[in-house]
Amino acid sequence: EGIDTGDVYLKRDLALFGTAEEIFLRASKVI
């Protein structure tokens, strides 16, 4: 019910260099 308050299954690292588009593409591979 809360915003981003749920229990966590996993966490993985993500670098934040580049454009938002590039970061989202990098995130997609991690997901």
PDB file of all heavy atoms in Angstrom:
ATOM      1  N   GLU A   1       0.811  -1.220   0.000  1.00  0.00           N
ATOM      2  CA  GLU A   1       0.000   0.000   0.000  1.00  0.00           C
ATOM      3  C   GLU A   1       0.841   1.265   0.000  1.00  0.00           C
ATOM      4  O   GLU A   1       0.509   2.245  -0.652  1.00  0.00           O
ATOM      5  CB  GLU A   1      -0.929  -0.005   1.217  1.00  0.00           C
ATOM      6  CG  GLU A   1      -1.899   1.162   1.232  1.00  0.00           C
ATOM      7  CD  GLU A   1      -2.930   1.039   2.331  1.00  0.00           C
ATOM      8  OE1 GLU A   1      -2.906   0.027   3.060  1.00  0.00           O
ATOM      9  OE2 GLU A   1      -3.767   1.938   2.463  1.00  0.00           O
ATOM     10  N   GLY A   2       1.956   1.290   0.730  1.00  0.00           N
ATOM     11  CA  GLY A   2       2.793   2.486   0.785  1.00  0.00           C
ATOM     12  C   GLY A   2       3.630   2.645  -0.475  1.00  0.00           C
ATOM     13  O   GLY A   2       3.836   1.705  -1.242  1.00  0.00           O
ATOM     14  N   ILE A   3       4.146   3.847  -0.684  1.00  0.00           N
ATOM     15  CA  ILE A   3       4.966   4.128  -1.858  1.00  0.00           C
ATOM     16  C   ILE A   3       6.373   3.594  -1.632  1.00  0.00           C
ATOM     17  O   ILE A   3       7.113   4.081  -0.767  1.00  0.00           O
ATOM     18  CB  ILE A   3       5.006   5.638  -2.157  1.00  0.00           C
ATOM     19  CG1 ILE A   3       3.593   6.147  -2.471  1.00  0.00           C
ATOM     20  CG2 ILE A   3       5.948   5.936  -3.326  1.00  0.00           C
ATOM     21  CD1 ILE A   3       3.517   7.650  -2.661  1.00  0.00           C
ATOM     22  N   ASP A   4       6.740   2.570  -2.383  1.00  0.00           N
ATOM     23  CA  ASP A   4       8.084   1.963  -2.329  1.00  0.00           C
ATOM     24  C   ASP A   4       8.439   1.479  -0.926  1.00  0.00           C
ATOM     25  O   ASP A   4       9.598   1.555  -0.501  1.00  0.00           O
ATOM     26  CB  ASP A   4       9.150   2.962  -2.821  1.00  0.00           C
ATOM     27  CG  ASP A   4       8.868   3.447  -4.229  1.00  0.00           C
ATOM     28  OD1 ASP A   4       8.436   2.632  -5.053  1.00  0.00           O
ATOM     29  OD2 ASP A   4       9.066   4.644  -4.502  1.00  0.00           O
ATOM     30  N   THR A   5       7.456   0.953  -0.206  1.00  0.00           N
ATOM     31  CA  THR A   5       7.683   0.515   1.176  1.00  0.00           C
ATOM     32  C   THR A   5       7.756  -1.003   1.314  1.00  0.00           C
ATOM     33  O   THR A   5       8.012  -1.515   2.398  1.00  0.00           O
ATOM     34  CB  THR A   5       6.560   1.021   2.092  1.00  0.00           C
ATOM     35  OG1 THR A   5       5.299   0.518   1.609  1.00  0.00           O
ATOM     36  CG2 THR A   5       6.515   2.541   2.113  1.00  0.00           C
ATOM     37  N   GLY A   6       7.539  -1.729   0.225  1.00  0.00           N
ATOM     38  CA  GLY A   6       7.438  -3.179   0.303  1.00  0.00           C
ATOM     39  C   GLY A   6       8.740  -3.876   0.620  1.00  0.00           C
ATOM     40  O   GLY A   6       9.834  -3.300   0.532  1.00  0.00           O
ATOM     41  N   ASP A   7       8.630  -5.154   0.983  1.00  0.00           N
ATOM     42  CA  ASP A   7       9.805  -5.975   1.263  1.00  0.00           C
ATOM     43  C   ASP A   7      10.620  -6.157  -0.018  1.00  0.00           C
ATOM     44  O   ASP A   7      10.087  -6.204  -1.127  1.00  0.00           O
ATOM     45  CB  ASP A   7       9.381  -7.342   1.795  1.00  0.00           C
ATOM     46  CG  ASP A   7       8.757  -7.252   3.191  1.00  0.00           C
ATOM     47  OD1 ASP A   7       8.783  -6.152   3.783  1.00  0.00           O
ATOM     48  OD2 ASP A   7       8.234  -8.275   3.664  1.00  0.00           O
ATOM     49  N   VAL A   8      11.934  -6.282   0.147  1.00  0.00           N
ATOM     50  CA  VAL A   8      12.870  -6.300  -0.976  1.00  0.00           C
ATOM     51  C   VAL A   8      13.365  -7.717  -1.248  1.00  0.00           C
ATOM     52  O   VAL A   8      13.792  -8.434  -0.343  1.00  0.00           O
ATOM     53  CB  VAL A   8      14.072  -5.368  -0.691  1.00  0.00           C
ATOM     54  CG1 VAL A   8      15.125  -5.488  -1.790  1.00  0.00           C
ATOM     55  CG2 VAL A   8      13.596  -3.917  -0.575  1.00  0.00           C
ATOM     56  N   TYR A   9      13.307  -8.114  -2.523  1.00  0.00           N
ATOM     57  CA  TYR A   9      13.804  -9.422  -2.961  1.00  0.00           C
ATOM     58  C   TYR A   9      15.305  -9.383  -3.251  1.00  0.00           C
ATOM     59  O   TYR A   9      16.054 -10.255  -2.811  1.00  0.00           O
ATOM     60  CB  TYR A   9      13.079  -9.857  -4.231  1.00  0.00           C
ATOM     61  CG  TYR A   9      11.651 -10.251  -4.018  1.00  0.00           C
ATOM     62  CD1 TYR A   9      10.634  -9.308  -4.021  1.00  0.00           C
ATOM     63  CD2 TYR A   9      11.297 -11.582  -3.835  1.00  0.00           C
ATOM     64  CE1 TYR A   9       9.308  -9.670  -3.841  1.00  0.00           C
ATOM     65  CE2 TYR A   9       9.978 -11.965  -3.646  1.00  0.00           C
ATOM     66  CZ  TYR A   9       8.989 -11.001  -3.648  1.00  0.00           C
ATOM     67  OH  TYR A   9       7.677 -11.361  -3.456  1.00  0.00           O
ATOM     68  N   LEU A  10      15.710  -8.386  -4.035  1.00  0.00           N
ATOM     69  CA  LEU A  10      17.096  -8.296  -4.494  1.00  0.00           C
ATOM     70  C   LEU A  10      17.489  -6.840  -4.652  1.00  0.00           C
ATOM     71  O   LEU A  10      16.632  -5.976  -4.868  1.00  0.00           O
ATOM     72  CB  LEU A  10      17.266  -8.970  -5.866  1.00  0.00           C
ATOM     73  CG  LEU A  10      16.936 -10.437  -6.062  1.00  0.00           C
ATOM     74  CD1 LEU A  10      16.987 -10.760  -7.558  1.00  0.00           C
ATOM     75  CD2 LEU A  10      17.908 -11.327  -5.306  1.00  0.00           C
ATOM     76  N   LYS A  11      18.795  -6.586  -4.597  1.00  0.00           N
ATOM     77  CA  LYS A  11      19.346  -5.291  -4.988  1.00  0.00           C
ATOM     78  C   LYS A  11      20.567  -5.540  -5.871  1.00  0.00           C
ATOM     79  O   LYS A  11      21.355  -6.450  -5.597  1.00  0.00           O
ATOM     80  CB  LYS A  11      19.760  -4.462  -3.764  1.00  0.00           C
ATOM     81  CG  LYS A  11      18.610  -3.980  -2.906  1.00  0.00           C
ATOM     82  CD  LYS A  11      19.115  -3.114  -1.760  1.00  0.00           C
ATOM     83  CE  LYS A  11      17.968  -2.622  -0.878  1.00  0.00           C
ATOM     84  NZ  LYS A  11      18.430  -1.732   0.215  1.00  0.00           N
ATOM     85  N   ARG A  12      20.700  -4.735  -6.912  1.00  0.00           N
ATOM     86  CA  ARG A  12      21.842  -4.862  -7.801  1.00  0.00           C
ATOM     87  C   ARG A  12      22.365  -3.483  -8.162  1.00  0.00           C
ATOM     88  O   ARG A  12      21.618  -2.511  -8.229  1.00  0.00           O
ATOM     89  CB  ARG A  12      21.460  -5.627  -9.079  1.00  0.00           C
ATOM     90  CG  ARG A  12      21.111  -7.097  -8.836  1.00  0.00           C
ATOM     91  CD  ARG A  12      22.327  -7.894  -8.373  1.00  0.00           C
ATOM     92  NE  ARG A  12      22.021  -9.306  -8.143  1.00  0.00           N
ATOM     93  CZ  ARG A  12      21.685  -9.824  -6.963  1.00  0.00           C
ATOM     94  NH1 ARG A  12      21.575  -9.021  -5.905  1.00  0.00           N
ATOM     95  NH2 ARG A  12      21.454 -11.110  -6.821  1.00  0.00           N
ATOM     96  N   ASP A  13      23.674  -3.396  -8.415  1.00  0.00           N
ATOM     97  CA  ASP A  13      24.335  -2.124  -8.690  1.00  0.00           C
ATOM     98  C   ASP A  13      23.966  -1.574 -10.070  1.00  0.00           C
ATOM     99  O   ASP A  13      23.732  -2.335 -11.016  1.00  0.00           O
ATOM    100  CB  ASP A  13      25.858  -2.284  -8.621  1.00  0.00           C
ATOM    101  CG  ASP A  13      26.355  -2.616  -7.219  1.00  0.00           C
ATOM    102  OD1 ASP A  13      25.702  -2.191  -6.246  1.00  0.00           O
ATOM    103  OD2 ASP A  13      27.395  -3.285  -7.103  1.00  0.00           O
ATOM    104  N   LEU A  14      23.961  -0.248 -10.170  1.00  0.00           N
ATOM    105  CA  LEU A  14      23.713   0.431 -11.439  1.00  0.00           C
ATOM    106  C   LEU A  14      24.519   1.730 -11.475  1.00  0.00           C
ATOM    107  O   LEU A  14      24.439   2.540 -10.548  1.00  0.00           O
ATOM    108  CB  LEU A  14      22.227   0.751 -11.603  1.00  0.00           C
ATOM    109  CG  LEU A  14      21.844   1.475 -12.895  1.00  0.00           C
ATOM    110  CD1 LEU A  14      22.014   0.560 -14.109  1.00  0.00           C
ATOM    111  CD2 LEU A  14      20.421   2.023 -12.830  1.00  0.00           C
ATOM    112  N   ALA A  15      25.275   1.920 -12.559  1.00  0.00           N
ATOM    113  CA  ALA A  15      26.039   3.162 -12.750  1.00  0.00           C
ATOM    114  C   ALA A  15      25.140   4.223 -13.377  1.00  0.00           C
ATOM    115  O   ALA A  15      24.253   3.915 -14.183  1.00  0.00           O
ATOM    116  CB  ALA A  15      27.250   2.899 -13.636  1.00  0.00           C
ATOM    117  N   LEU A  16      25.397   5.485 -13.044  1.00  0.00           N
ATOM    118  CA  LEU A  16      24.531   6.583 -13.473  1.00  0.00           C
ATOM    119  C   LEU A  16      25.195   7.526 -14.475  1.00  0.00           C
ATOM    120  O   LEU A  16      24.784   8.672 -14.611  1.00  0.00           O
ATOM    121  CB  LEU A  16      24.066   7.386 -12.249  1.00  0.00           C
ATOM    122  CG  LEU A  16      23.166   6.629 -11.275  1.00  0.00           C
ATOM    123  CD1 LEU A  16      22.875   7.490 -10.043  1.00  0.00           C
ATOM    124  CD2 LEU A  16      21.857   6.206 -11.944  1.00  0.00           C
ATOM    125  N   PHE A  17      26.203   7.062 -15.198  1.00  0.00           N
ATOM    126  CA  PHE A  17      26.806   7.910 -16.226  1.00  0.00           C
ATOM    127  C   PHE A  17      25.979   7.817 -17.509  1.00  0.00           C
ATOM    128  O   PHE A  17      25.249   6.851 -17.735  1.00  0.00           O
ATOM    129  CB  PHE A  17      28.263   7.513 -16.492  1.00  0.00           C
ATOM    130  CG  PHE A  17      28.431   6.104 -16.986  1.00  0.00           C
ATOM    131  CD1 PHE A  17      28.329   5.798 -18.341  1.00  0.00           C
ATOM    132  CD2 PHE A  17      28.720   5.067 -16.097  1.00  0.00           C
ATOM    133  CE1 PHE A  17      28.479   4.503 -18.797  1.00  0.00           C
ATOM    134  CE2 PHE A  17      28.879   3.765 -16.546  1.00  0.00           C
ATOM    135  CZ  PHE A  17      28.759   3.488 -17.903  1.00  0.00           C
ATOM    136  N   GLY A  18      26.113   8.843 -18.363  1.00  0.00           N
ATOM    137  CA  GLY A  18      25.405   8.843 -19.636  1.00  0.00           C
ATOM    138  C   GLY A  18      24.044   9.499 -19.558  1.00  0.00           C
ATOM    139  O   GLY A  18      23.640  10.053 -18.528  1.00  0.00           O
ATOM    140  N   THR A  19      23.321   9.431 -20.670  1.00  0.00           N
ATOM    141  CA  THR A  19      21.991  10.041 -20.739  1.00  0.00           C
ATOM    142  C   THR A  19      20.976   9.167 -20.007  1.00  0.00           C
ATOM    143  O   THR A  19      21.228   7.994 -19.732  1.00  0.00           O
ATOM    144  CB  THR A  19      21.533  10.195 -22.199  1.00  0.00           C
ATOM    145  OG1 THR A  19      21.369   8.882 -22.770  1.00  0.00           O
ATOM    146  CG2 THR A  19      22.545  10.978 -23.029  1.00  0.00           C
ATOM    147  N   ALA A  20      19.807   9.745 -19.750  1.00  0.00           N
ATOM    148  CA  ALA A  20      18.736   8.969 -19.126  1.00  0.00           C
ATOM    149  C   ALA A  20      18.405   7.738 -19.966  1.00  0.00           C
ATOM    150  O   ALA A  20      18.193   6.647 -19.433  1.00  0.00           O
ATOM    151  CB  ALA A  20      17.497   9.842 -18.946  1.00  0.00           C
ATOM    152  N   GLU A  21      18.377   7.904 -21.293  1.00  0.00           N
ATOM    153  CA  GLU A  21      18.089   6.774 -22.180  1.00  0.00           C
ATOM    154  C   GLU A  21      19.119   5.663 -21.997  1.00  0.00           C
ATOM    155  O   GLU A  21      18.774   4.479 -21.905  1.00  0.00           O
ATOM    156  CB  GLU A  21      18.087   7.251 -23.636  1.00  0.00           C
ATOM    157  CG  GLU A  21      17.690   6.193 -24.635  1.00  0.00           C
ATOM    158  CD  GLU A  21      16.190   6.125 -24.884  1.00  0.00           C
ATOM    159  OE1 GLU A  21      15.459   6.969 -24.335  1.00  0.00           O
ATOM    160  OE2 GLU A  21      15.777   5.227 -25.626  1.00  0.00           O
ATOM    161  N   GLU A  22      20.388   6.036 -21.941  1.00  0.00           N
ATOM    162  CA  GLU A  22      21.459   5.043 -21.770  1.00  0.00           C
ATOM    163  C   GLU A  22      21.358   4.361 -20.410  1.00  0.00           C
ATOM    164  O   GLU A  22      21.588   3.153 -20.284  1.00  0.00           O
ATOM    165  CB  GLU A  22      22.813   5.717 -21.943  1.00  0.00           C
ATOM    166  CG  GLU A  22      23.083   6.178 -23.367  1.00  0.00           C
ATOM    167  CD  GLU A  22      24.272   7.121 -23.485  1.00  0.00           C
ATOM    168  OE1 GLU A  22      24.681   7.715 -22.463  1.00  0.00           O
ATOM    169  OE2 GLU A  22      24.778   7.277 -24.610  1.00  0.00           O
ATOM    170  N   ILE A  23      21.025   5.126 -19.390  1.00  0.00           N
ATOM    171  CA  ILE A  23      20.897   4.551 -18.048  1.00  0.00           C
ATOM    172  C   ILE A  23      19.722   3.580 -17.996  1.00  0.00           C
ATOM    173  O   ILE A  23      19.819   2.492 -17.417  1.00  0.00           O
ATOM    174  CB  ILE A  23      20.741   5.668 -16.993  1.00  0.00           C
ATOM    175  CG1 ILE A  23      22.008   6.524 -16.945  1.00  0.00           C
ATOM    176  CG2 ILE A  23      20.456   5.072 -15.613  1.00  0.00           C
ATOM    177  CD1 ILE A  23      21.863   7.809 -16.159  1.00  0.00           C
ATOM    178  N   PHE A  24      18.600   3.954 -18.612  1.00  0.00           N
ATOM    179  CA  PHE A  24      17.448   3.047 -18.636  1.00  0.00           C
ATOM    180  C   PHE A  24      17.775   1.755 -19.384  1.00  0.00           C
ATOM    181  O   PHE A  24      17.343   0.672 -18.983  1.00  0.00           O
ATOM    182  CB  PHE A  24      16.242   3.730 -19.276  1.00  0.00           C
ATOM    183  CG  PHE A  24      15.570   4.745 -18.391  1.00  0.00           C
ATOM    184  CD1 PHE A  24      15.197   5.991 -18.889  1.00  0.00           C
ATOM    185  CD2 PHE A  24      15.287   4.463 -17.061  1.00  0.00           C
ATOM    186  CE1 PHE A  24      14.571   6.927 -18.082  1.00  0.00           C
ATOM    187  CE2 PHE A  24      14.658   5.391 -16.242  1.00  0.00           C
ATOM    188  CZ  PHE A  24      14.297   6.613 -16.757  1.00  0.00           C
ATOM    189  N   LEU A  25      18.517   1.845 -20.481  1.00  0.00           N
ATOM    190  CA  LEU A  25      18.912   0.648 -21.221  1.00  0.00           C
ATOM    191  C   LEU A  25      19.824  -0.236 -20.376  1.00  0.00           C
ATOM    192  O   LEU A  25      19.701  -1.467 -20.367  1.00  0.00           O
ATOM    193  CB  LEU A  25      19.610   1.040 -22.520  1.00  0.00           C
ATOM    194  CG  LEU A  25      18.704   1.603 -23.614  1.00  0.00           C
ATOM    195  CD1 LEU A  25      19.540   2.187 -24.755  1.00  0.00           C
ATOM    196  CD2 LEU A  25      17.772   0.528 -24.149  1.00  0.00           C
ATOM    197  N   ARG A  26      20.730   0.398 -19.650  1.00  0.00           N
ATOM    198  CA  ARG A  26      21.618  -0.354 -18.750  1.00  0.00           C
ATOM    199  C   ARG A  26      20.791  -1.007 -17.638  1.00  0.00           C
ATOM    200  O   ARG A  26      21.021  -2.165 -17.276  1.00  0.00           O
ATOM    201  CB  ARG A  26      22.649   0.619 -18.161  1.00  0.00           C
ATOM    202  CG  ARG A  26      23.877  -0.037 -17.534  1.00  0.00           C
ATOM    203  CD  ARG A  26      24.852   1.026 -17.033  1.00  0.00           C
ATOM    204  NE  ARG A  26      25.141   1.982 -18.082  1.00  0.00           N
ATOM    205  CZ  ARG A  26      25.047   3.298 -17.951  1.00  0.00           C
ATOM    206  NH1 ARG A  26      24.652   3.831 -16.805  1.00  0.00           N
ATOM    207  NH2 ARG A  26      25.344   4.094 -18.951  1.00  0.00           N
ATOM    208  N   ALA A  27      19.828  -0.253 -17.111  1.00  0.00           N
ATOM    209  CA  ALA A  27      18.964  -0.792 -16.056  1.00  0.00           C
ATOM    210  C   ALA A  27      18.157  -1.974 -16.570  1.00  0.00           C
ATOM    211  O   ALA A  27      17.921  -2.943 -15.837  1.00  0.00           O
ATOM    212  CB  ALA A  27      18.033   0.297 -15.535  1.00  0.00           C
ATOM    213  N   SER A  28      17.720  -1.914 -17.824  1.00  0.00           N
ATOM    214  CA  SER A  28      16.924  -2.994 -18.395  1.00  0.00           C
ATOM    215  C   SER A  28      17.691  -4.314 -18.368  1.00  0.00           C
ATOM    216  O   SER A  28      17.132  -5.374 -18.052  1.00  0.00           O
ATOM    217  CB  SER A  28      16.531  -2.639 -19.838  1.00  0.00           C
ATOM    218  OG  SER A  28      15.568  -3.528 -20.336  1.00  0.00           O
ATOM    219  N   LYS A  29      18.972  -4.263 -18.681  1.00  0.00           N
ATOM    220  CA  LYS A  29      19.796  -5.480 -18.654  1.00  0.00           C
ATOM    221  C   LYS A  29      19.917  -6.024 -17.230  1.00  0.00           C
ATOM    222  O   LYS A  29      19.878  -7.233 -17.011  1.00  0.00           O
ATOM    223  CB  LYS A  29      21.171  -5.175 -19.239  1.00  0.00           C
ATOM    224  CG  LYS A  29      21.149  -4.810 -20.710  1.00  0.00           C
ATOM    225  CD  LYS A  29      22.531  -4.457 -21.234  1.00  0.00           C
ATOM    226  CE  LYS A  29      22.482  -4.074 -22.700  1.00  0.00           C
ATOM    227  NZ  LYS A  29      23.826  -3.684 -23.216  1.00  0.00           N
ATOM    228  N   VAL A  30      20.065  -5.117 -16.274  1.00  0.00           N
ATOM    229  CA  VAL A  30      20.157  -5.543 -14.870  1.00  0.00           C
ATOM    230  C   VAL A  30      18.837  -6.162 -14.415  1.00  0.00           C
ATOM    231  O   VAL A  30      18.819  -7.192 -13.732  1.00  0.00           O
ATOM    232  CB  VAL A  30      20.537  -4.345 -13.968  1.00  0.00           C
ATOM    233  CG1 VAL A  30      20.514  -4.753 -12.495  1.00  0.00           C
ATOM    234  CG2 VAL A  30      21.916  -3.810 -14.342  1.00  0.00           C
ATOM    235  N   ILE A  31      17.723  -5.554 -14.806  1.00  0.00           N
ATOM    236  CA  ILE A  31      16.402  -6.068 -14.406  1.00  0.00           C
ATOM    237  C   ILE A  31      16.153  -7.452 -14.997  1.00  0.00           C
ATOM    238  O   ILE A  31      15.564  -8.317 -14.344  1.00  0.00           O
ATOM    239  CB  ILE A  31      15.302  -5.068 -14.798  1.00  0.00           C
ATOM    240  CG1 ILE A  31      15.431  -3.790 -13.965  1.00  0.00           C
ATOM    241  CG2 ILE A  31      13.910  -5.674 -14.590  1.00  0.00           C
ATOM    242  CD1 ILE A  31      14.549  -2.644 -14.435  1.00  0.00           C
TER     243      ILE A  31
END
